Amino acid sequence: MLKLVPKQERSQYEYFTKDYFTELEEKVVDMKANMMDFMMASPAKGSETNPSSLPSTFASSSAHDEVKLPKINIPQFSGDYHEWTSFQDLYVSLIHNKSTLNKVQKMHYLKSCLSGAAEQLLKHIPITENNYDTAWETLKQRFNNKRIIVNTILSRLINQRKLTSGTTKGLRDLLDTTNECLNKLKNLQITVESWDILIIYLIVNKLDQESHKEWEQDLGRLKISELPKLEMLTTFLEKRFRILEMIQQPGSTLSNSAVKQRTFHTNTVEHTCAFCNQDHLLYTCKEFGKLSVEKRVEYVQGARLCFNCLVPGHSVKFCKQKSSCRRCGRRHHSLLHSTWNKQSGNYTKDPVTSAPPSDNKEDIKEEKEDKIKSILFLTSLLGGKRC
């Protein structure tokens, strides 16, 4: 094709514009490398294979081996600086320093281990023997930046999420992430042994209020002139999340009582009107009170509310509130009370129930008592459901 098509006409052919030759060449080299791997891993019957000649990615087997070791897989490197050090150490040990592999095979393994930004970096480098050293150096020049790697680790250490409550997972993740970051800094030959007071300050400020209080009480055994060690904080966090693991297990009586207590305090302060979404109970809603009795009944039916307490989740048959209509004593709310008009043949709204709030002291006192009863009932009802 190169001889048949002049250079000035090559832009007219898809073969040249999309570089099909290079793409096909890479596929052929990949296929050749795969065939060589298969042949080395599966020797012919009756032939003897030297275990040292096999690549390290395959489990070695011999007549003296009693256990077949699993295959070691190199993790994918996506271009994250946080992952570079571990990827580099594993790749160099298993592939790069393996003398039994030629450079074509190493190039194949290298490109198959990359994804994301790292894959894009070597995308236009064909798989050839001469290109392997160039590709590996290009990858190291981009990602083996010690300053950026250290900054990434420190950023992860410092910017951990502050805990709002003492949970097993939150405390465990905080401790594990801190230890992971410190170990990675040690692997980069950075001295962190004298960082105890700094790390303690960072981690304690990420604790929830209760855990922080427990930590300060735990430090009471130290002298005033004595500073805590990081080992003390590590021991404290491990002990605390183990205690929380026992408390937060399903069926634990301590866990159930804690949930009940939190549910009670939450439900006593949150009352949202189902009709106007304001912070009050439905029966005190002025907009709902302006409706006719028939419209109120239609709304309560459509919203599937209890006719007696105007709360969702149950019918009047299963309502636990002891109060009933003040006008007739039946099991419905006073706002839903209506009387039968024999002359018109219709239900009419009760003039007292639908009237604006009264200035009479007795009526005001009665409304306040009903409101208090409704709030206490609503609290116990919702709290019992969650627990």
Protein backbone atom coordinates (compact mmCIF):
# COMPACT_ATOMS: atom_id res chain seq x y z
CA MET A 1 0.00 0.00 0.00
CA LEU A 2 2.84 2.39 0.77
CA LYS A 3 4.34 1.82 -2.67
CA LEU A 4 1.06 1.94 -4.56
CA VAL A 5 -0.43 5.12 -2.99
CA PRO A 6 1.53 8.40 -3.19
CA LYS A 7 1.89 10.47 0.01
CA GLN A 8 -0.27 13.34 -1.22
CA GLU A 9 -3.20 10.94 -1.86
CA ARG A 10 -3.02 8.95 1.40
CA SER A 11 -5.34 11.33 3.26
CA GLN A 12 -8.15 10.13 0.99
CA TYR A 13 -7.96 6.54 2.24
CA GLU A 14 -9.28 5.34 5.61
CA TYR A 15 -6.45 2.83 5.81
CA PHE A 16 -3.94 5.64 6.34
CA THR A 17 -6.09 8.17 8.24
CA LYS A 18 -7.10 5.67 10.95
CA ASP A 19 -3.67 3.98 11.01
CA TYR A 20 -5.01 0.46 10.49
CA PHE A 21 -1.48 -0.87 10.04
CA THR A 22 -0.36 0.03 13.58
CA GLU A 23 -3.62 -1.24 15.08
CA LEU A 24 -3.32 -4.57 13.27
CA GLU A 25 0.33 -4.87 14.23
CA GLU A 26 -0.53 -4.47 17.93
CA LYS A 27 -3.19 -7.18 17.68
CA VAL A 28 -0.75 -9.56 16.01
CA VAL A 29 1.86 -8.94 18.72
CA ASP A 30 -0.77 -9.43 21.44
CA MET A 31 -1.86 -12.70 19.89
CA LYS A 32 1.73 -13.88 19.58
CA ALA A 33 2.42 -13.06 23.23
CA ASN A 34 -0.72 -14.90 24.34
CA MET A 35 0.27 -17.98 22.32
CA MET A 36 3.74 -17.96 23.85
CA ASP A 37 2.26 -17.71 27.34
CA PHE A 38 -0.06 -20.61 26.60
CA MET A 39 2.74 -22.76 25.24
CA MET A 40 4.97 -22.07 28.23
CA ALA A 41 2.19 -22.76 30.73
CA SER A 42 1.02 -25.95 29.00
CA PRO A 43 4.06 -28.08 27.97
CA ALA A 44 3.60 -31.09 25.70
CA LYS A 45 3.15 -34.51 27.26
CA GLY A 46 6.39 -36.30 28.07
CA SER A 47 8.44 -33.12 27.93
CA GLU A 48 10.10 -31.63 30.97
CA THR A 49 9.77 -27.95 31.71
CA ASN A 50 12.13 -26.01 33.89
CA PRO A 51 9.96 -24.21 36.50
CA SER A 52 12.36 -21.26 36.52
CA SER A 53 11.60 -20.61 32.84
CA LEU A 54 7.90 -19.94 33.52
CA PRO A 55 6.68 -16.38 34.06
CA SER A 56 5.94 -15.44 37.64
CA THR A 57 2.26 -14.84 36.90
CA PHE A 58 1.73 -18.60 36.69
CA ALA A 59 1.79 -20.92 39.65
CA SER A 60 4.83 -23.15 39.67
CA SER A 61 4.18 -26.86 39.77
CA SER A 62 6.58 -29.75 40.23
CA ALA A 63 6.57 -33.26 41.45
CA HIS A 64 7.75 -32.08 44.86
CA ASP A 65 5.03 -29.44 45.30
CA GLU A 66 2.08 -30.55 47.42
CA VAL A 67 0.09 -27.30 47.14
CA LYS A 68 -0.62 -25.48 43.88
CA LEU A 69 -0.17 -21.76 44.45
CA PRO A 70 -2.83 -19.43 43.05
CA LYS A 71 -2.10 -17.12 40.16
CA ILE A 72 -0.87 -13.64 41.13
CA ASN A 73 -2.82 -10.92 39.34
CA ILE A 74 -1.36 -7.46 38.92
CA PRO A 75 -3.95 -4.82 39.81
CA GLN A 76 -5.05 -2.26 37.22
CA PHE A 77 -3.37 1.14 37.46
CA SER A 78 -5.73 3.96 36.45
CA GLY A 79 -3.38 6.92 36.92
CA ASP A 80 -4.18 7.60 40.57
CA TYR A 81 -1.02 8.78 42.34
CA HIS A 82 -2.28 7.13 45.51
CA GLU A 83 -1.99 3.69 43.81
CA TRP A 84 1.32 4.17 41.98
CA THR A 85 3.76 2.95 44.64
CA SER A 86 2.06 -0.40 45.22
CA PHE A 87 1.54 -0.94 41.47
CA GLN A 88 5.17 -0.14 40.69
CA ASP A 89 6.56 -2.51 43.34
CA LEU A 90 4.33 -5.38 42.25
CA TYR A 91 4.91 -4.89 38.52
CA VAL A 92 8.70 -4.60 38.87
CA SER A 93 8.84 -7.75 40.99
CA LEU A 94 6.59 -9.92 38.79
CA ILE A 95 7.23 -8.62 35.27
CA HIS A 96 9.92 -5.99 34.81
CA ASN A 97 12.75 -7.89 36.55
CA LYS A 98 11.81 -11.28 35.06
CA SER A 99 14.66 -12.32 32.77
CA THR A 100 12.64 -15.16 31.20
CA LEU A 101 10.25 -12.67 29.58
CA ASN A 102 11.26 -10.82 26.43
CA LYS A 103 10.44 -7.14 26.01
CA VAL A 104 7.50 -7.80 23.72
CA GLN A 105 5.85 -9.86 26.43
CA LYS A 106 6.68 -7.22 29.06
CA MET A 107 5.19 -4.53 26.83
CA HIS A 108 2.04 -6.63 26.44
CA TYR A 109 1.71 -7.12 30.20
CA LEU A 110 2.37 -3.42 30.87
CA LYS A 111 -0.36 -2.15 28.56
CA SER A 112 -2.84 -4.77 29.78
CA CYS A 113 -2.38 -3.52 33.37
CA LEU A 114 -3.26 0.10 32.57
CA SER A 115 -6.56 1.95 32.40
CA GLY A 116 -7.83 5.52 32.48
CA ALA A 117 -5.20 8.27 32.26
CA ALA A 118 -2.31 5.79 32.40
CA GLU A 119 -3.69 3.86 29.43
CA GLN A 120 -4.14 7.07 27.44
CA LEU A 121 -0.51 8.01 28.08
CA LEU A 122 0.82 4.87 26.30
CA LYS A 123 -2.03 4.50 23.82
CA HIS A 124 -0.02 5.67 20.81
CA ILE A 125 3.09 3.59 21.60
CA PRO A 126 2.95 0.32 19.60
CA ILE A 127 3.81 -3.01 21.20
CA THR A 128 7.34 -3.66 19.94
CA GLU A 129 10.54 -4.78 21.58
CA ASN A 130 12.24 -1.42 21.08
CA ASN A 131 9.36 0.54 22.61
CA TYR A 132 9.21 -1.21 26.00
CA ASP A 133 11.98 0.76 27.73
CA THR A 134 10.55 4.01 26.36
CA ALA A 135 7.04 3.15 27.54
CA TRP A 136 8.15 2.19 31.06
CA GLU A 137 10.24 5.36 31.46
CA THR A 138 7.37 7.49 30.15
CA LEU A 139 5.07 5.97 32.76
CA LYS A 140 7.58 6.55 35.56
CA GLN A 141 8.27 10.13 34.51
CA ARG A 142 4.56 10.91 34.72
CA PHE A 143 3.49 9.12 37.90
CA ASN A 144 6.65 8.53 39.96
CA ASN A 145 6.48 12.08 41.33
CA LYS A 146 7.29 11.74 45.02
CA ARG A 147 6.13 15.25 45.92
CA ILE A 148 2.69 14.74 44.38
CA ILE A 149 2.39 11.28 45.93
CA VAL A 150 3.17 12.65 49.41
CA ASN A 151 0.72 15.54 48.93
CA THR A 152 -1.99 13.08 47.90
CA ILE A 153 -1.42 10.93 50.99
CA LEU A 154 -1.38 13.95 53.33
CA SER A 155 -4.54 15.32 51.74
CA ARG A 156 -6.34 12.04 52.36
CA LEU A 157 -5.08 11.95 55.95
CA ILE A 158 -6.09 15.53 56.80
CA ASN A 159 -9.39 15.72 54.90
CA GLN A 160 -11.09 12.73 56.49
CA ARG A 161 -14.79 13.20 57.20
CA LYS A 162 -15.74 14.44 60.68
CA LEU A 163 -17.99 11.97 62.50
CA THR A 164 -21.41 13.24 63.56
CA SER A 165 -22.19 10.16 65.65
CA GLY A 166 -20.20 7.34 67.17
CA THR A 167 -20.71 4.38 64.84
CA THR A 168 -18.61 1.25 64.44
CA LYS A 169 -17.95 1.84 60.74
CA GLY A 170 -17.08 5.51 61.19
CA LEU A 171 -14.51 4.92 63.93
CA ARG A 172 -13.02 1.91 62.18
CA ASP A 173 -12.65 3.77 58.85
CA LEU A 174 -11.05 6.73 60.63
CA LEU A 175 -8.48 4.49 62.32
CA ASP A 176 -7.77 2.33 59.25
CA THR A 177 -7.32 5.30 56.90
CA THR A 178 -4.93 6.99 59.35
CA ASN A 179 -2.79 3.85 59.70
CA GLU A 180 -2.78 3.32 55.93
CA CYS A 181 -1.57 6.86 55.23
CA LEU A 182 1.16 6.68 57.88
CA ASN A 183 2.42 3.33 56.55
CA LYS A 184 2.60 4.70 53.00
CA LEU A 185 4.59 7.69 54.20
CA LYS A 186 6.99 5.33 55.99
CA ASN A 187 7.44 3.34 52.76
CA LEU A 188 8.51 6.59 51.08
CA GLN A 189 11.31 6.95 53.66
CA ILE A 190 9.52 9.75 55.54
CA THR A 191 10.02 9.80 59.30
CA VAL A 192 6.63 9.94 61.03
CA GLU A 193 7.60 8.59 64.46
CA SER A 194 7.71 12.11 65.92
CA TRP A 195 4.29 13.08 64.53
CA ASP A 196 2.26 11.61 67.41
CA ILE A 197 0.97 14.86 68.91
CA LEU A 198 0.06 16.23 65.46
CA ILE A 199 -1.77 13.06 64.36
CA ILE A 200 -3.62 12.89 67.68
CA TYR A 201 -4.79 16.48 67.25
CA LEU A 202 -6.06 15.77 63.70
CA ILE A 203 -7.89 12.56 64.60
CA VAL A 204 -9.46 13.78 67.84
CA ASN A 205 -10.97 16.74 65.96
CA LYS A 206 -12.64 14.23 63.60
CA LEU A 207 -14.34 12.35 66.46
CA ASP A 208 -17.98 12.73 67.38
CA GLN A 209 -18.81 14.58 70.60
CA GLU A 210 -19.39 11.48 72.73
CA SER A 211 -16.18 9.76 71.60
CA HIS A 212 -14.23 12.98 72.17
CA LYS A 213 -15.62 13.14 75.70
CA GLU A 214 -14.64 9.50 76.37
CA TRP A 215 -11.12 10.17 75.07
CA GLU A 216 -10.64 13.16 77.37
CA GLN A 217 -11.82 11.06 80.32
CA ASP A 218 -9.39 8.31 79.32
CA LEU A 219 -6.52 10.85 79.44
CA GLY A 220 -7.32 11.59 83.08
CA ARG A 221 -4.84 8.94 84.17
CA LEU A 222 -1.92 10.90 82.66
CA LYS A 223 0.12 13.47 84.51
CA ILE A 224 -0.39 17.13 83.61
CA SER A 225 3.13 17.35 82.20
CA GLU A 226 2.75 14.13 80.15
CA LEU A 227 1.63 14.06 76.50
CA PRO A 228 -0.36 11.16 75.04
CA LYS A 229 1.14 8.78 72.49
CA LEU A 230 -0.47 7.77 69.20
CA GLU A 231 -0.51 4.18 70.45
CA MET A 232 -2.84 5.27 73.26
CA LEU A 233 -5.32 6.81 70.79
CA THR A 234 -5.16 3.71 68.59
CA THR A 235 -5.90 1.45 71.56
CA PHE A 236 -8.76 3.73 72.66
CA LEU A 237 -10.41 3.74 69.21
CA GLU A 238 -10.10 -0.04 68.82
CA LYS A 239 -11.63 -0.57 72.25
CA ARG A 240 -14.46 1.88 71.55
CA PHE A 241 -15.58 0.49 68.21
CA ARG A 242 -15.49 -3.04 69.63
CA ILE A 243 -17.87 -1.89 72.38
CA LEU A 244 -20.10 -0.25 69.77
CA GLU A 245 -20.06 -3.47 67.72
CA MET A 246 -21.54 -5.32 70.69
CA ILE A 247 -24.10 -2.59 71.45
CA GLN A 248 -25.23 -2.10 67.84
CA GLN A 249 -25.76 -5.78 67.09
CA PRO A 250 -29.34 -6.71 66.03
CA GLY A 251 -31.43 -7.72 69.04
CA SER A 252 -29.24 -5.94 71.58
CA THR A 253 -31.30 -4.39 74.39
CA LEU A 254 -28.86 -1.47 74.63
CA SER A 255 -29.22 -0.81 70.93
CA ASN A 256 -33.03 -0.85 71.12
CA SER A 257 -33.14 1.53 74.09
CA ALA A 258 -30.77 3.94 72.34
CA VAL A 259 -32.95 3.93 69.24
CA LYS A 260 -36.07 4.55 71.33
CA GLN A 261 -34.46 7.49 73.09
CA ARG A 262 -33.28 9.12 69.85
CA THR A 263 -36.64 8.53 68.18
CA PHE A 264 -38.54 10.12 71.05
CA HIS A 265 -36.50 13.33 71.00
CA THR A 266 -36.74 13.60 67.25
CA ASN A 267 -40.47 13.10 67.04
CA THR A 268 -41.32 15.60 69.76
CA VAL A 269 -39.90 18.50 67.78
CA GLU A 270 -41.02 17.66 64.24
CA HIS A 271 -44.73 18.19 63.38
CA THR A 272 -45.48 18.95 59.75
CA CYS A 273 -49.02 19.67 58.61
CA ALA A 274 -50.08 17.27 55.86
CA PHE A 275 -52.33 19.94 54.30
CA CYS A 276 -50.05 23.01 54.04
CA ASN A 277 -46.61 21.56 54.97
CA GLN A 278 -46.15 24.11 57.76
CA ASP A 279 -44.82 23.41 61.27
CA HIS A 280 -48.08 22.64 63.11
CA LEU A 281 -50.63 19.86 63.52
CA LEU A 282 -53.39 19.40 60.98
CA TYR A 283 -56.26 20.21 63.35
CA THR A 284 -54.68 23.62 64.17
CA CYS A 285 -54.22 24.51 60.47
CA LYS A 286 -56.13 27.69 59.58
CA GLU A 287 -56.30 26.77 55.88
CA PHE A 288 -57.78 23.38 56.70
CA GLY A 289 -60.28 25.04 59.08
CA LYS A 290 -61.56 27.28 56.28
CA LEU A 291 -62.80 24.27 54.33
CA SER A 292 -66.34 23.01 54.64
CA VAL A 293 -66.93 19.80 56.60
CA GLU A 294 -67.53 17.92 53.35
CA LYS A 295 -64.18 19.12 51.92
CA ARG A 296 -62.37 18.18 55.14
CA VAL A 297 -63.85 14.70 55.03
CA GLU A 298 -62.88 14.33 51.36
CA TYR A 299 -59.28 15.42 52.14
CA VAL A 300 -58.93 13.07 55.12
CA GLN A 301 -60.23 10.18 53.01
CA GLY A 302 -57.92 11.01 50.09
CA ALA A 303 -54.86 11.39 52.34
CA ARG A 304 -55.75 8.14 54.16
CA LEU A 305 -55.72 9.78 57.58
CA CYS A 306 -57.35 8.50 60.75
CA PHE A 307 -60.81 10.11 61.20
CA ASN A 308 -60.25 10.39 64.95
CA CYS A 309 -56.69 11.77 65.37
CA LEU A 310 -55.97 12.97 61.79
CA VAL A 311 -52.67 11.03 61.72
CA PRO A 312 -51.61 8.74 58.82
CA GLY A 313 -50.71 5.10 59.18
CA HIS A 314 -53.88 3.59 60.68
CA SER A 315 -57.66 3.71 60.50
CA VAL A 316 -60.09 4.87 63.16
CA LYS A 317 -60.74 1.24 64.06
CA PHE A 318 -57.14 0.88 65.31
CA CYS A 319 -56.75 4.41 66.72
CA LYS A 320 -55.24 4.40 70.24
CA GLN A 321 -56.25 7.96 71.11
CA LYS A 322 -59.02 7.90 73.72
CA SER A 323 -60.58 11.25 72.81
CA SER A 324 -63.56 11.56 70.46
CA CYS A 325 -65.83 14.24 68.98
CA ARG A 326 -66.74 16.95 71.53
CA ARG A 327 -70.13 17.51 69.87
CA CYS A 328 -71.55 14.00 69.62
CA GLY A 329 -69.03 11.75 71.41
CA ARG A 330 -68.53 9.48 68.38
CA ARG A 331 -65.19 8.23 67.07
CA HIS A 332 -64.27 11.09 64.72
CA HIS A 333 -62.49 14.41 65.11
CA SER A 334 -64.54 17.45 66.04
CA LEU A 335 -63.51 19.16 62.78
CA LEU A 336 -65.24 16.35 60.87
CA HIS A 337 -68.52 16.60 62.82
CA SER A 338 -71.64 17.18 60.73
CA THR A 339 -75.40 17.05 61.39
CA TRP A 340 -78.24 15.76 59.23
CA ASN A 341 -80.64 18.44 57.95
CA LYS A 342 -84.02 16.84 57.44
CA GLN A 343 -85.37 19.73 55.33
CA SER A 344 -82.49 19.84 52.82
CA GLY A 345 -81.59 16.17 53.09
CA ASN A 346 -77.87 17.00 53.40
CA TYR A 347 -75.15 17.02 56.02
CA THR A 348 -74.33 20.53 57.28
CA LYS A 349 -71.22 21.64 59.04
CA ASP A 350 -71.45 22.30 62.75
CA PRO A 351 -71.38 26.08 63.39
CA VAL A 352 -69.21 25.72 66.50
CA THR A 353 -66.64 23.37 64.97
CA SER A 354 -66.10 25.37 61.80
CA ALA A 355 -66.08 28.81 63.43
CA PRO A 356 -62.88 30.84 63.88
CA PRO A 357 -60.94 30.36 67.14
CA SER A 358 -62.93 31.60 70.10
CA ASP A 359 -61.84 34.23 72.61
CA ASN A 360 -63.69 32.44 75.40
CA LYS A 361 -61.28 31.32 78.14
CA GLU A 362 -62.97 27.94 78.56
CA ASP A 363 -62.75 27.21 74.82
CA ILE A 364 -59.10 28.28 74.72
CA LYS A 365 -58.30 26.08 77.72
CA GLU A 366 -60.06 23.12 76.11
CA GLU A 367 -58.17 23.62 72.82
CA LYS A 368 -54.83 23.74 74.66
CA GLU A 369 -55.60 20.52 76.52
CA ASP A 370 -56.56 18.79 73.27
CA LYS A 371 -53.37 20.04 71.62
CA ILE A 372 -51.17 18.69 74.43
CA LYS A 373 -52.94 15.32 74.33
CA SER A 374 -52.57 15.13 70.53
CA ILE A 375 -48.84 15.94 70.68
CA LEU A 376 -48.18 13.31 73.36
CA PHE A 377 -50.23 10.75 71.47
CA LEU A 378 -48.53 11.52 68.15
CA THR A 379 -45.10 11.26 69.78
CA SER A 380 -45.78 7.88 71.41
CA LEU A 381 -47.41 6.57 68.23
CA LEU A 382 -44.56 7.49 65.87
CA GLY A 383 -41.91 6.52 68.40
CA GLY A 384 -43.47 3.10 68.89
CA LYS A 385 -43.52 2.53 65.14
CA ARG A 386 -39.82 3.24 64.60
CA CYS A 387 -38.68 1.13 67.49
